[in-house]
Amino acid sequence: MKHLALIAALGVAALPALSPQSVFAGQPLSQLEIQRIHELVGDVDLSNLSARQIAVIKSVLVQRTDEADKKATILAILKER
């Protein structure tokens, strides 16, 4: 069963149409997402984010990981600017 899950995950990762960048491409952050980011990392400037950064942040917010992982990932994305 683990092999099937791995194959499925690799297949989905290989499809560019299902990547977070394409799913969330062109969609600005909603007020709820901005509020959630501020709850996680504090008051940060979100004005100059690229489309790719927004897409990755959106995908991080919906992942089922703990808050510390989300915070670390979002802070790393914000440092890329």
PDB file of N, CA and C in Angstrom:
ATOM      1  N   MET A   1       0.821  -1.191   0.000  1.00  0.00           N
ATOM      2  CA  MET A   1       0.000   0.000   0.000  1.00  0.00           C
ATOM      3  C   MET A   1       0.869   1.261   0.000  1.00  0.00           C
ATOM      4  N   LYS A   2       1.988   1.217   0.704  1.00  0.00           N
ATOM      5  CA  LYS A   2       2.876   2.374   0.720  1.00  0.00           C
ATOM      6  C   LYS A   2       3.430   2.662  -0.667  1.00  0.00           C
ATOM      7  N   HIS A   3       3.673   1.598  -1.421  1.00  0.00           N
ATOM      8  CA  HIS A   3       4.204   1.777  -2.770  1.00  0.00           C
ATOM      9  C   HIS A   3       3.195   2.482  -3.665  1.00  0.00           C
ATOM     10  N   LEU A   4       1.928   2.146  -3.532  1.00  0.00           N
ATOM     11  CA  LEU A   4       0.896   2.805  -4.330  1.00  0.00           C
ATOM     12  C   LEU A   4       0.777   4.280  -3.970  1.00  0.00           C
ATOM     13  N   ALA A   5       0.864   4.589  -2.683  1.00  0.00           N
ATOM     14  CA  ALA A   5       0.791   5.987  -2.253  1.00  0.00           C
ATOM     15  C   ALA A   5       1.980   6.772  -2.780  1.00  0.00           C
ATOM     16  N   LEU A   6       3.155   6.152  -2.764  1.00  0.00           N
ATOM     17  CA  LEU A   6       4.352   6.814  -3.274  1.00  0.00           C
ATOM     18  C   LEU A   6       4.243   7.059  -4.772  1.00  0.00           C
ATOM     19  N   ILE A   7       3.771   6.072  -5.498  1.00  0.00           N
ATOM     20  CA  ILE A   7       3.596   6.224  -6.940  1.00  0.00           C
ATOM     21  C   ILE A   7       2.576   7.314  -7.251  1.00  0.00           C
ATOM     22  N   ALA A   8       1.491   7.346  -6.497  1.00  0.00           N
ATOM     23  CA  ALA A   8       0.470   8.378  -6.706  1.00  0.00           C
ATOM     24  C   ALA A   8       1.033   9.762  -6.403  1.00  0.00           C
ATOM     25  N   ALA A   9       1.798   9.887  -5.322  1.00  0.00           N
ATOM     26  CA  ALA A   9       2.378  11.183  -4.961  1.00  0.00           C
ATOM     27  C   ALA A   9       3.363  11.653  -6.020  1.00  0.00           C
ATOM     28  N   LEU A  10       4.170  10.738  -6.526  1.00  0.00           N
ATOM     29  CA  LEU A  10       5.125  11.110  -7.574  1.00  0.00           C
ATOM     30  C   LEU A  10       4.409  11.497  -8.864  1.00  0.00           C
ATOM     31  N   GLY A  11       3.327  10.801  -9.171  1.00  0.00           N
ATOM     32  CA  GLY A  11       2.553  11.131 -10.361  1.00  0.00           C
ATOM     33  C   GLY A  11       1.932  12.507 -10.279  1.00  0.00           C
ATOM     34  N   VAL A  12       1.391  12.833  -9.126  1.00  0.00           N
ATOM     35  CA  VAL A  12       0.783  14.154  -8.939  1.00  0.00           C
ATOM     36  C   VAL A  12       1.850  15.238  -8.971  1.00  0.00           C
ATOM     37  N   ALA A  13       3.004  14.960  -8.365  1.00  0.00           N
ATOM     38  CA  ALA A  13       4.084  15.952  -8.366  1.00  0.00           C
ATOM     39  C   ALA A  13       4.604  16.195  -9.777  1.00  0.00           C
ATOM     40  N   ALA A  14       4.522  15.181 -10.615  1.00  0.00           N
ATOM     41  CA  ALA A  14       5.022  15.326 -11.985  1.00  0.00           C
ATOM     42  C   ALA A  14       4.069  16.105 -12.877  1.00  0.00           C
ATOM     43  N   LEU A  15       2.820  16.220 -12.483  1.00  0.00           N
ATOM     44  CA  LEU A  15       1.850  16.943 -13.298  1.00  0.00           C
ATOM     45  C   LEU A  15       1.914  18.436 -12.983  1.00  0.00           C
ATOM     46  N   PRO A  16       2.393  19.229 -13.897  1.00  0.00           N
ATOM     47  CA  PRO A  16       2.491  20.665 -13.611  1.00  0.00           C
ATOM     48  C   PRO A  16       1.130  21.332 -13.446  1.00  0.00           C
ATOM     49  N   ALA A  17       0.099  20.764 -14.004  1.00  0.00           N
ATOM     50  CA  ALA A  17      -1.228  21.364 -13.909  1.00  0.00           C
ATOM     51  C   ALA A  17      -1.783  21.295 -12.489  1.00  0.00           C
ATOM     52  N   LEU A  18      -1.278  20.401 -11.672  1.00  0.00           N
ATOM     53  CA  LEU A  18      -1.776  20.258 -10.308  1.00  0.00           C
ATOM     54  C   LEU A  18      -0.828  20.831  -9.268  1.00  0.00           C
ATOM     55  N   SER A  19       0.233  21.483  -9.688  1.00  0.00           N
ATOM     56  CA  SER A  19       1.168  22.055  -8.736  1.00  0.00           C
ATOM     57  C   SER A  19       0.539  23.271  -8.059  1.00  0.00           C
ATOM     58  N   PRO A  20       0.974  23.591  -6.828  1.00  0.00           N
ATOM     59  CA  PRO A  20       0.402  24.747  -6.129  1.00  0.00           C
ATOM     60  C   PRO A  20       0.529  26.044  -6.909  1.00  0.00           C
ATOM     61  N   GLN A  21       1.626  26.190  -7.658  1.00  0.00           N
ATOM     62  CA  GLN A  21       1.821  27.415  -8.415  1.00  0.00           C
ATOM     63  C   GLN A  21       0.750  27.589  -9.474  1.00  0.00           C
ATOM     64  N   SER A  22       0.294  26.502 -10.086  1.00  0.00           N
ATOM     65  CA  SER A  22      -0.717  26.636 -11.121  1.00  0.00           C
ATOM     66  C   SER A  22      -2.124  26.686 -10.541  1.00  0.00           C
ATOM     67  N   VAL A  23      -2.349  25.999  -9.427  1.00  0.00           N
ATOM     68  CA  VAL A  23      -3.676  25.999  -8.802  1.00  0.00           C
ATOM     69  C   VAL A  23      -4.015  27.377  -8.270  1.00  0.00           C
ATOM     70  N   PHE A  24      -3.039  28.028  -7.625  1.00  0.00           N
ATOM     71  CA  PHE A  24      -3.280  29.323  -7.010  1.00  0.00           C
ATOM     72  C   PHE A  24      -2.738  30.484  -7.836  1.00  0.00           C
ATOM     73  N   ALA A  25      -2.326  30.235  -9.056  1.00  0.00           N
ATOM     74  CA  ALA A  25      -1.702  31.264  -9.885  1.00  0.00           C
ATOM     75  C   ALA A  25      -2.661  32.425 -10.132  1.00  0.00           C
ATOM     76  N   GLY A  26      -2.159  33.617  -9.921  1.00  0.00           N
ATOM     77  CA  GLY A  26      -2.915  34.812 -10.210  1.00  0.00           C
ATOM     78  C   GLY A  26      -3.949  35.200  -9.172  1.00  0.00           C
ATOM     79  N   GLN A  27      -4.088  34.416  -8.134  1.00  0.00           N
ATOM     80  CA  GLN A  27      -5.077  34.735  -7.100  1.00  0.00           C
ATOM     81  C   GLN A  27      -4.387  35.490  -5.969  1.00  0.00           C
ATOM     82  N   PRO A  28      -4.835  36.696  -5.655  1.00  0.00           N
ATOM     83  CA  PRO A  28      -4.229  37.429  -4.540  1.00  0.00           C
ATOM     84  C   PRO A  28      -4.631  36.801  -3.211  1.00  0.00           C
ATOM     85  N   LEU A  29      -3.906  37.161  -2.178  1.00  0.00           N
ATOM     86  CA  LEU A  29      -4.233  36.670  -0.840  1.00  0.00           C
ATOM     87  C   LEU A  29      -5.551  37.281  -0.379  1.00  0.00           C
ATOM     88  N   SER A  30      -6.405  36.451   0.169  1.00  0.00           N
ATOM     89  CA  SER A  30      -7.674  36.952   0.699  1.00  0.00           C
ATOM     90  C   SER A  30      -7.440  37.561   2.078  1.00  0.00           C
ATOM     91  N   GLN A  31      -8.411  38.297   2.573  1.00  0.00           N
ATOM     92  CA  GLN A  31      -8.286  38.899   3.901  1.00  0.00           C
ATOM     93  C   GLN A  31      -8.123  37.837   4.980  1.00  0.00           C
ATOM     94  N   LEU A  32      -8.809  36.711   4.837  1.00  0.00           N
ATOM     95  CA  LEU A  32      -8.690  35.622   5.795  1.00  0.00           C
ATOM     96  C   LEU A  32      -7.277  35.033   5.785  1.00  0.00           C
ATOM     97  N   GLU A  33      -6.702  34.872   4.596  1.00  0.00           N
ATOM     98  CA  GLU A  33      -5.342  34.346   4.487  1.00  0.00           C
ATOM     99  C   GLU A  33      -4.335  35.336   5.067  1.00  0.00           C
ATOM    100  N   ILE A  34      -4.531  36.607   4.803  1.00  0.00           N
ATOM    101  CA  ILE A  34      -3.639  37.633   5.367  1.00  0.00           C
ATOM    102  C   ILE A  34      -3.722  37.621   6.885  1.00  0.00           C
ATOM    103  N   GLN A  35      -4.912  37.525   7.412  1.00  0.00           N
ATOM    104  CA  GLN A  35      -5.096  37.469   8.861  1.00  0.00           C
ATOM    105  C   GLN A  35      -4.408  36.231   9.441  1.00  0.00           C
ATOM    106  N   ARG A  36      -4.537  35.093   8.771  1.00  0.00           N
ATOM    107  CA  ARG A  36      -3.919  33.853   9.242  1.00  0.00           C
ATOM    108  C   ARG A  36      -2.399  33.968   9.230  1.00  0.00           C
ATOM    109  N   ILE A  37      -1.841  34.606   8.202  1.00  0.00           N
ATOM    110  CA  ILE A  37      -0.391  34.803   8.131  1.00  0.00           C
ATOM    111  C   ILE A  37       0.073  35.682   9.279  1.00  0.00           C
ATOM    112  N   HIS A  38      -0.657  36.758   9.543  1.00  0.00           N
ATOM    113  CA  HIS A  38      -0.289  37.647  10.640  1.00  0.00           C
ATOM    114  C   HIS A  38      -0.390  36.942  11.987  1.00  0.00           C
ATOM    115  N   GLU A  39      -1.350  36.025  12.135  1.00  0.00           N
ATOM    116  CA  GLU A  39      -1.447  35.243  13.373  1.00  0.00           C
ATOM    117  C   GLU A  39      -0.245  34.329  13.538  1.00  0.00           C
ATOM    118  N   LEU A  40       0.232  33.775  12.440  1.00  0.00           N
ATOM    119  CA  LEU A  40       1.350  32.831  12.499  1.00  0.00           C
ATOM    120  C   LEU A  40       2.691  33.524  12.699  1.00  0.00           C
ATOM    121  N   VAL A  41       2.966  34.569  11.931  1.00  0.00           N
ATOM    122  CA  VAL A  41       4.310  35.149  11.923  1.00  0.00           C
ATOM    123  C   VAL A  41       4.374  36.585  12.424  1.00  0.00           C
ATOM    124  N   GLY A  42       3.277  37.171  12.789  1.00  0.00           N
ATOM    125  CA  GLY A  42       3.285  38.551  13.255  1.00  0.00           C
ATOM    126  C   GLY A  42       3.019  39.523  12.118  1.00  0.00           C
ATOM    127  N   ASP A  43       3.213  40.785  12.398  1.00  0.00           N
ATOM    128  CA  ASP A  43       2.936  41.837  11.427  1.00  0.00           C
ATOM    129  C   ASP A  43       4.084  41.919  10.430  1.00  0.00           C
ATOM    130  N   VAL A  44       3.869  41.396   9.232  1.00  0.00           N
ATOM    131  CA  VAL A  44       4.882  41.398   8.177  1.00  0.00           C
ATOM    132  C   VAL A  44       4.314  42.091   6.948  1.00  0.00           C
ATOM    133  N   ASP A  45       5.211  42.595   6.122  1.00  0.00           N
ATOM    134  CA  ASP A  45       4.817  43.267   4.883  1.00  0.00           C
ATOM    135  C   ASP A  45       4.552  42.217   3.812  1.00  0.00           C
ATOM    136  N   LEU A  46       3.346  42.192   3.296  1.00  0.00           N
ATOM    137  CA  LEU A  46       2.967  41.226   2.263  1.00  0.00           C
ATOM    138  C   LEU A  46       2.707  41.904   0.922  1.00  0.00           C
ATOM    139  N   SER A  47       3.188  43.128   0.759  1.00  0.00           N
ATOM    140  CA  SER A  47       2.835  43.902  -0.422  1.00  0.00           C
ATOM    141  C   SER A  47       3.624  43.531  -1.675  1.00  0.00           C
ATOM    142  N   ASN A  48       4.845  43.081  -1.541  1.00  0.00           N
ATOM    143  CA  ASN A  48       5.685  42.838  -2.718  1.00  0.00           C
ATOM    144  C   ASN A  48       5.956  41.365  -2.960  1.00  0.00           C
ATOM    145  N   LEU A  49       4.961  40.533  -2.804  1.00  0.00           N
ATOM    146  CA  LEU A  49       5.140  39.102  -3.029  1.00  0.00           C
ATOM    147  C   LEU A  49       4.942  38.773  -4.504  1.00  0.00           C
ATOM    148  N   SER A  50       5.753  37.850  -4.985  1.00  0.00           N
ATOM    149  CA  SER A  50       5.583  37.390  -6.371  1.00  0.00           C
ATOM    150  C   SER A  50       4.423  36.413  -6.434  1.00  0.00           C
ATOM    151  N   ALA A  51       3.979  36.121  -7.628  1.00  0.00           N
ATOM    152  CA  ALA A  51       2.880  35.171  -7.818  1.00  0.00           C
ATOM    153  C   ALA A  51       3.269  33.792  -7.294  1.00  0.00           C
ATOM    154  N   ARG A  52       4.524  33.411  -7.477  1.00  0.00           N
ATOM    155  CA  ARG A  52       4.992  32.115  -6.994  1.00  0.00           C
ATOM    156  C   ARG A  52       4.986  32.071  -5.468  1.00  0.00           C
ATOM    157  N   GLN A  53       5.432  33.140  -4.822  1.00  0.00           N
ATOM    158  CA  GLN A  53       5.434  33.187  -3.360  1.00  0.00           C
ATOM    159  C   GLN A  53       4.011  33.109  -2.812  1.00  0.00           C
ATOM    160  N   ILE A  54       3.086  33.820  -3.447  1.00  0.00           N
ATOM    161  CA  ILE A  54       1.684  33.776  -3.012  1.00  0.00           C
ATOM    162  C   ILE A  54       1.136  32.358  -3.148  1.00  0.00           C
ATOM    163  N   ALA A  55       1.443  31.710  -4.261  1.00  0.00           N
ATOM    164  CA  ALA A  55       0.954  30.347  -4.481  1.00  0.00           C
ATOM    165  C   ALA A  55       1.501  29.384  -3.437  1.00  0.00           C
ATOM    166  N   VAL A  56       2.786  29.519  -3.109  1.00  0.00           N
ATOM    167  CA  VAL A  56       3.378  28.626  -2.115  1.00  0.00           C
ATOM    168  C   VAL A  56       2.795  28.904  -0.732  1.00  0.00           C
ATOM    169  N   ILE A  57       2.613  30.166  -0.374  1.00  0.00           N
ATOM    170  CA  ILE A  57       2.028  30.507   0.920  1.00  0.00           C
ATOM    171  C   ILE A  57       0.611  29.960   1.015  1.00  0.00           C
ATOM    172  N   LYS A  58      -0.165  30.105  -0.048  1.00  0.00           N
ATOM    173  CA  LYS A  58      -1.530  29.570  -0.039  1.00  0.00           C
ATOM    174  C   LYS A  58      -1.523  28.060   0.175  1.00  0.00           C
ATOM    175  N   SER A  59      -0.610  27.362  -0.475  1.00  0.00           N
ATOM    176  CA  SER A  59      -0.561  25.907  -0.312  1.00  0.00           C
ATOM    177  C   SER A  59      -0.095  25.526   1.092  1.00  0.00           C
ATOM    178  N   VAL A  60       0.804  26.311   1.676  1.00  0.00           N
ATOM    179  CA  VAL A  60       1.260  26.044   3.043  1.00  0.00           C
ATOM    180  C   VAL A  60       0.108  26.212   4.027  1.00  0.00           C
ATOM    181  N   LEU A  61      -0.713  27.218   3.813  1.00  0.00           N
ATOM    182  CA  LEU A  61      -1.823  27.480   4.734  1.00  0.00           C
ATOM    183  C   LEU A  61      -2.841  26.348   4.768  1.00  0.00           C
ATOM    184  N   VAL A  62      -3.002  25.634   3.671  1.00  0.00           N
ATOM    185  CA  VAL A  62      -4.002  24.560   3.632  1.00  0.00           C
ATOM    186  C   VAL A  62      -3.426  23.192   3.952  1.00  0.00           C
ATOM    187  N   GLN A  63      -2.109  23.092   4.098  1.00  0.00           N
ATOM    188  CA  GLN A  63      -1.504  21.803   4.430  1.00  0.00           C
ATOM    189  C   GLN A  63      -1.835  21.412   5.856  1.00  0.00           C
ATOM    190  N   ARG A  64      -1.867  20.126   6.092  1.00  0.00           N
ATOM    191  CA  ARG A  64      -2.168  19.602   7.422  1.00  0.00           C
ATOM    192  C   ARG A  64      -0.868  19.351   8.170  1.00  0.00           C
ATOM    193  N   THR A  65      -0.176  20.432   8.514  1.00  0.00           N
ATOM    194  CA  THR A  65       1.056  20.351   9.296  1.00  0.00           C
ATOM    195  C   THR A  65       0.879  21.190  10.541  1.00  0.00           C
ATOM    196  N   ASP A  66       1.823  21.067  11.460  1.00  0.00           N
ATOM    197  CA  ASP A  66       1.690  21.845  12.689  1.00  0.00           C
ATOM    198  C   ASP A  66       2.047  23.314  12.445  1.00  0.00           C
ATOM    199  N   GLU A  67       1.673  24.139  13.399  1.00  0.00           N
ATOM    200  CA  GLU A  67       1.828  25.596  13.260  1.00  0.00           C
ATOM    201  C   GLU A  67       3.291  26.004  13.123  1.00  0.00           C
ATOM    202  N   ALA A  68       4.193  25.315  13.824  1.00  0.00           N
ATOM    203  CA  ALA A  68       5.616  25.670  13.766  1.00  0.00           C
ATOM    204  C   ALA A  68       6.172  25.465  12.362  1.00  0.00           C
ATOM    205  N   ASP A  69       5.776  24.381  11.697  1.00  0.00           N
ATOM    206  CA  ASP A  69       6.221  24.138  10.328  1.00  0.00           C
ATOM    207  C   ASP A  69       5.677  25.193   9.379  1.00  0.00           C
ATOM    208  N   LYS A  70       4.416  25.546   9.541  1.00  0.00           N
ATOM    209  CA  LYS A  70       3.822  26.581   8.690  1.00  0.00           C
ATOM    210  C   LYS A  70       4.540  27.905   8.877  1.00  0.00           C
ATOM    211  N   LYS A  71       4.794  28.249  10.138  1.00  0.00           N
ATOM    212  CA  LYS A  71       5.469  29.514  10.447  1.00  0.00           C
ATOM    213  C   LYS A  71       6.864  29.544   9.833  1.00  0.00           C
ATOM    214  N   ALA A  72       7.619  28.471   9.995  1.00  0.00           N
ATOM    215  CA  ALA A  72       8.977  28.420   9.455  1.00  0.00           C
ATOM    216  C   ALA A  72       8.975  28.524   7.943  1.00  0.00           C
ATOM    217  N   THR A  73       8.056  27.845   7.298  1.00  0.00           N
ATOM    218  CA  THR A  73       7.985  27.880   5.837  1.00  0.00           C
ATOM    219  C   THR A  73       7.609  29.266   5.339  1.00  0.00           C
ATOM    220  N   ILE A  74       6.626  29.890   5.956  1.00  0.00           N
ATOM    221  CA  ILE A  74       6.195  31.224   5.541  1.00  0.00           C
ATOM    222  C   ILE A  74       7.311  32.233   5.757  1.00  0.00           C
ATOM    223  N   LEU A  75       8.009  32.152   6.887  1.00  0.00           N
ATOM    224  CA  LEU A  75       9.123  33.069   7.134  1.00  0.00           C
ATOM    225  C   LEU A  75      10.235  32.873   6.110  1.00  0.00           C
ATOM    226  N   ALA A  76      10.501  31.640   5.725  1.00  0.00           N
ATOM    227  CA  ALA A  76      11.527  31.378   4.706  1.00  0.00           C
ATOM    228  C   ALA A  76      11.115  31.978   3.365  1.00  0.00           C
ATOM    229  N   ILE A  77       9.836  31.876   3.039  1.00  0.00           N
ATOM    230  CA  ILE A  77       9.338  32.447   1.772  1.00  0.00           C
ATOM    231  C   ILE A  77       9.452  33.962   1.801  1.00  0.00           C
ATOM    232  N   LEU A  78       9.136  34.570   2.924  1.00  0.00           N
ATOM    233  CA  LEU A  78       9.198  36.029   3.028  1.00  0.00           C
ATOM    234  C   LEU A  78      10.637  36.530   2.982  1.00  0.00           C
ATOM    235  N   LYS A  79      11.592  35.726   3.411  1.00  0.00           N
ATOM    236  CA  LYS A  79      13.002  36.135   3.372  1.00  0.00           C
ATOM    237  C   LYS A  79      13.562  36.081   1.967  1.00  0.00           C
ATOM    238  N   GLU A  80      12.888  35.364   1.043  1.00  0.00           N
ATOM    239  CA  GLU A  80      13.349  35.250  -0.346  1.00  0.00           C
ATOM    240  C   GLU A  80      13.290  36.582  -1.079  1.00  0.00           C
ATOM    241  N   ARG A  81      12.472  37.499  -0.617  1.00  0.00           N
ATOM    242  CA  ARG A  81      12.284  38.754  -1.346  1.00  0.00           C
ATOM    243  C   ARG A  81      13.527  39.518  -1.460  1.00  0.00           C
TER     244      ARG A  81
END
